[in-house]
């Protein structure tokens, strides 16, 4: 995302294509294609300053989790969420964070846990959570959030083949919207 309140559909489609085309390498931990947000503004007086941002999962809010090498490692490995306005969303698959690689038994069910916090100044009343598996919409949940500071939901999904699973959260109030793209978890299957 670059200075957008919602991601460019063509960019997301290309990202999903790239994720799918390199799935084997991603499952092995040899390749990452990471979604990031950027305002592309150059001064704090610009209109889009601090609108687009990234949340990075380092494992700690203090040293060593804040060291440059740990932050860079988290970004490079896709342990992040891209946000259009500072709203937050995070997702795990069976407890594995974005950028992680795991293996499950073919045709087993995994739990996709999604949590989010809308930007409080926007007055968002709805969160739409979308789960994407191998580039296709797997499920959607609409969650009323009027008057609450955050939400959580757990979504079961069957994994019948190697895949990636990622989450999106779209916040709205009928006038304004905010959007989060959570980087995927990569899943190999065994018999």
Protein backbone atom coordinates (compact mmCIF):
# COMPACT_ATOMS: atom_id res chain seq x y z
CA UNK A 1 0.00 0.00 0.00
CA UNK A 2 1.32 3.43 -0.82
CA UNK A 3 -0.66 6.40 0.52
CA UNK A 4 -3.97 4.61 -0.07
CA UNK A 5 -6.94 4.05 2.23
CA UNK A 6 -7.41 0.65 0.63
CA UNK A 7 -4.90 -1.46 -1.26
CA UNK A 8 -4.73 -1.49 -5.02
CA UNK A 9 -6.59 -4.62 -6.23
CA UNK A 10 -4.08 -5.18 -9.03
CA UNK A 11 -1.14 -4.98 -6.62
CA UNK A 12 -2.82 -7.48 -4.27
CA UNK A 13 -3.53 -9.86 -7.17
CA UNK A 14 0.14 -9.67 -8.25
CA UNK A 15 1.25 -10.28 -4.67
CA UNK A 16 -0.98 -13.36 -4.42
CA UNK A 17 0.32 -14.60 -7.80
CA UNK A 18 3.90 -14.23 -6.59
CA UNK A 19 3.12 -15.96 -3.28
CA UNK A 20 1.49 -18.86 -5.11
CA UNK A 21 4.20 -19.20 -7.76
CA UNK A 22 6.94 -19.44 -5.09
CA UNK A 23 4.92 -21.44 -2.54
CA UNK A 24 7.37 -24.36 -2.37
CA UNK A 25 10.30 -22.05 -1.68
CA UNK A 26 8.28 -20.10 0.89
CA UNK A 27 7.30 -23.26 2.76
CA UNK A 28 11.00 -24.21 2.91
CA UNK A 29 11.90 -20.71 4.14
CA UNK A 30 13.97 -19.88 1.06
CA UNK A 31 11.86 -17.00 -0.32
CA UNK A 32 9.67 -14.18 1.02
CA UNK A 33 7.40 -11.72 -0.76
CA UNK A 34 6.26 -9.27 1.91
CA UNK A 35 3.36 -6.78 1.90
CA UNK A 36 4.32 -3.38 3.28
CA UNK A 37 2.58 0.00 3.61
CA UNK A 38 4.20 3.33 2.78
CA UNK A 39 2.86 6.88 2.71
CA UNK A 40 5.53 7.95 0.18
CA UNK A 41 5.47 11.47 1.63
CA UNK A 42 8.66 13.33 2.36
CA UNK A 43 7.80 15.87 5.04
CA UNK A 44 5.60 15.88 8.13
CA UNK A 45 3.54 18.71 6.63
CA UNK A 46 2.35 16.49 3.74
CA UNK A 47 -1.29 15.31 3.82
CA UNK A 48 -0.49 11.58 3.98
CA UNK A 49 2.15 11.81 6.73
CA UNK A 50 1.92 8.79 9.08
CA UNK A 51 -1.25 7.44 7.45
CA UNK A 52 0.19 4.23 6.02
CA UNK A 53 2.27 2.23 8.45
CA UNK A 54 3.51 -1.25 9.34
CA UNK A 55 3.23 -3.25 12.54
CA UNK A 56 6.21 -5.55 12.98
CA UNK A 57 6.26 -8.68 15.19
CA UNK A 58 9.67 -8.93 16.86
CA UNK A 59 8.59 -10.80 19.97
CA UNK A 60 9.41 -7.96 22.36
CA UNK A 61 8.74 -4.24 22.80
CA UNK A 62 12.11 -3.75 24.47
CA UNK A 63 15.69 -4.77 23.76
CA UNK A 64 16.59 -6.98 22.00
CA UNK A 65 13.21 -6.88 20.21
CA UNK A 66 13.79 -3.27 19.21
CA UNK A 67 17.34 -3.69 17.90
CA UNK A 68 17.87 -2.84 14.21
CA UNK A 69 18.88 -6.42 13.31
CA UNK A 70 15.79 -7.95 14.94
CA UNK A 71 13.48 -5.38 13.30
CA UNK A 72 15.10 -5.94 9.90
CA UNK A 73 14.83 -9.73 10.31
CA UNK A 74 11.11 -9.41 11.13
CA UNK A 75 10.46 -7.22 8.08
CA UNK A 76 12.46 -9.45 5.73
CA UNK A 77 10.64 -12.57 6.94
CA UNK A 78 7.14 -11.09 6.64
CA UNK A 79 6.34 -10.88 10.34
CA UNK A 80 4.28 -7.76 9.78
CA UNK A 81 0.93 -6.15 9.03
CA UNK A 82 0.47 -3.30 6.55
CA UNK A 83 -2.06 -0.67 7.69
CA UNK A 84 -3.65 2.13 5.68
CA UNK A 85 -4.44 4.38 8.64
CA UNK A 86 -2.94 3.02 11.86
CA UNK A 87 -5.72 0.52 12.54
CA UNK A 88 -4.31 -2.84 13.59
CA UNK A 89 -4.92 -6.47 12.69
CA UNK A 90 -2.92 -9.59 13.45
CA UNK A 91 -3.45 -13.24 12.63
CA UNK A 92 -1.94 -16.57 13.58
CA UNK A 93 -2.49 -20.04 12.15
CA UNK A 94 -2.30 -22.72 14.85
CA UNK A 95 -0.32 -20.18 16.88
CA UNK A 96 2.21 -19.46 14.12
CA UNK A 97 2.79 -15.78 13.32
CA UNK A 98 2.97 -14.25 9.83
CA UNK A 99 6.10 -15.27 7.96
CA UNK A 100 6.22 -18.62 9.78
CA UNK A 101 6.41 -22.03 8.15
CA UNK A 102 4.72 -25.12 9.52
CA UNK A 103 3.54 -28.58 8.46
CA UNK A 104 0.17 -30.18 9.16
CA UNK A 105 -1.40 -33.50 8.24
CA UNK A 106 -3.23 -33.28 4.91
CA UNK A 107 -6.99 -32.62 5.31
CA UNK A 108 -6.58 -31.48 8.90
CA UNK A 109 -8.22 -28.39 10.32
CA UNK A 110 -6.19 -25.39 11.41
CA UNK A 111 -7.35 -22.47 13.54
CA UNK A 112 -6.93 -18.98 12.13
CA UNK A 113 -7.01 -16.53 15.02
CA UNK A 114 -7.56 -12.89 14.02
CA UNK A 115 -7.52 -9.88 16.31
CA UNK A 116 -7.86 -6.25 15.44
CA UNK A 117 -8.04 -2.76 16.87
CA UNK A 118 -9.61 -0.01 14.79
CA UNK A 119 -8.18 3.49 14.87
CA UNK A 120 -10.20 5.10 17.65
CA UNK A 121 -10.50 8.54 16.03
CA UNK A 122 -12.36 7.21 12.98
CA UNK A 123 -15.48 5.89 14.73
CA UNK A 124 -15.47 2.63 12.80
CA UNK A 125 -18.59 0.54 13.32
CA UNK A 126 -17.74 -2.60 11.34
CA UNK A 127 -14.78 -4.85 10.69
CA UNK A 128 -14.82 -7.22 7.77
CA UNK A 129 -12.31 -10.04 8.19
CA UNK A 130 -11.31 -11.93 5.06
CA UNK A 131 -9.20 -15.07 5.05
CA UNK A 132 -7.26 -15.70 1.85
CA UNK A 133 -5.89 -19.17 1.08
CA UNK A 134 -3.60 -19.56 -1.95
CA UNK A 135 -4.87 -16.32 -3.47
CA UNK A 136 -8.58 -17.11 -3.18
CA UNK A 137 -11.09 -15.79 -0.71
CA UNK A 138 -11.75 -18.66 1.70
CA UNK A 139 -14.20 -16.96 4.06
CA UNK A 140 -15.49 -13.58 5.22
CA UNK A 141 -16.78 -12.50 8.62
CA UNK A 142 -18.47 -9.19 9.38
CA UNK A 143 -17.95 -8.11 12.96
CA UNK A 144 -19.84 -5.15 14.48
CA UNK A 145 -17.30 -3.11 16.45
CA UNK A 146 -19.27 0.01 17.37
CA UNK A 147 -18.17 1.07 20.84
CA UNK A 148 -15.50 -1.62 21.33
CA UNK A 149 -11.77 -1.12 21.21
CA UNK A 150 -10.80 -4.44 19.66
CA UNK A 151 -12.14 -7.77 18.41
CA UNK A 152 -11.01 -11.37 18.19
CA UNK A 153 -12.32 -14.25 16.13
CA UNK A 154 -11.17 -17.80 15.43
CA UNK A 155 -11.91 -19.36 12.07
CA UNK A 156 -11.39 -23.08 11.38
CA UNK A 157 -10.01 -24.00 7.95
CA UNK A 158 -9.29 -27.34 6.31
CA UNK A 159 -5.86 -27.69 4.71
CA UNK A 160 -5.86 -30.28 1.93
CA UNK A 161 -2.65 -29.21 0.16
CA UNK A 162 0.38 -26.98 0.58
CA UNK A 163 -0.86 -23.44 1.01
CA UNK A 164 -0.45 -20.02 2.47
CA UNK A 165 -3.11 -18.41 4.62
CA UNK A 166 -3.31 -14.68 5.20
CA UNK A 167 -5.85 -12.30 6.72
CA UNK A 168 -7.24 -8.91 5.77
CA UNK A 169 -9.29 -6.58 7.96
CA UNK A 170 -11.34 -3.75 6.48
CA UNK A 171 -12.74 -1.20 8.93
CA UNK A 172 -15.59 1.16 8.00
CA UNK A 173 -18.09 3.63 9.39
CA UNK A 174 -20.07 4.31 6.21
CA UNK A 175 -17.93 7.33 5.33
CA UNK A 176 -14.31 6.43 6.01
CA UNK A 177 -12.45 3.15 5.82
CA UNK A 178 -9.20 1.64 6.99
CA UNK A 179 -7.48 -1.51 5.84
CA UNK A 180 -4.92 -4.01 7.14
CA UNK A 181 -3.08 -6.72 5.21
CA UNK A 182 -1.52 -9.39 7.43
CA UNK A 183 1.33 -11.30 5.81
CA UNK A 184 0.80 -15.06 5.36
CA UNK A 185 1.69 -18.20 7.26
CA UNK A 186 3.06 -20.92 4.95
CA UNK A 187 1.81 -24.48 5.46
CA UNK A 188 3.21 -27.71 4.06
CA UNK A 189 1.14 -30.88 4.22
CA UNK A 190 2.12 -34.45 5.06
CA UNK A 191 0.25 -37.75 4.86
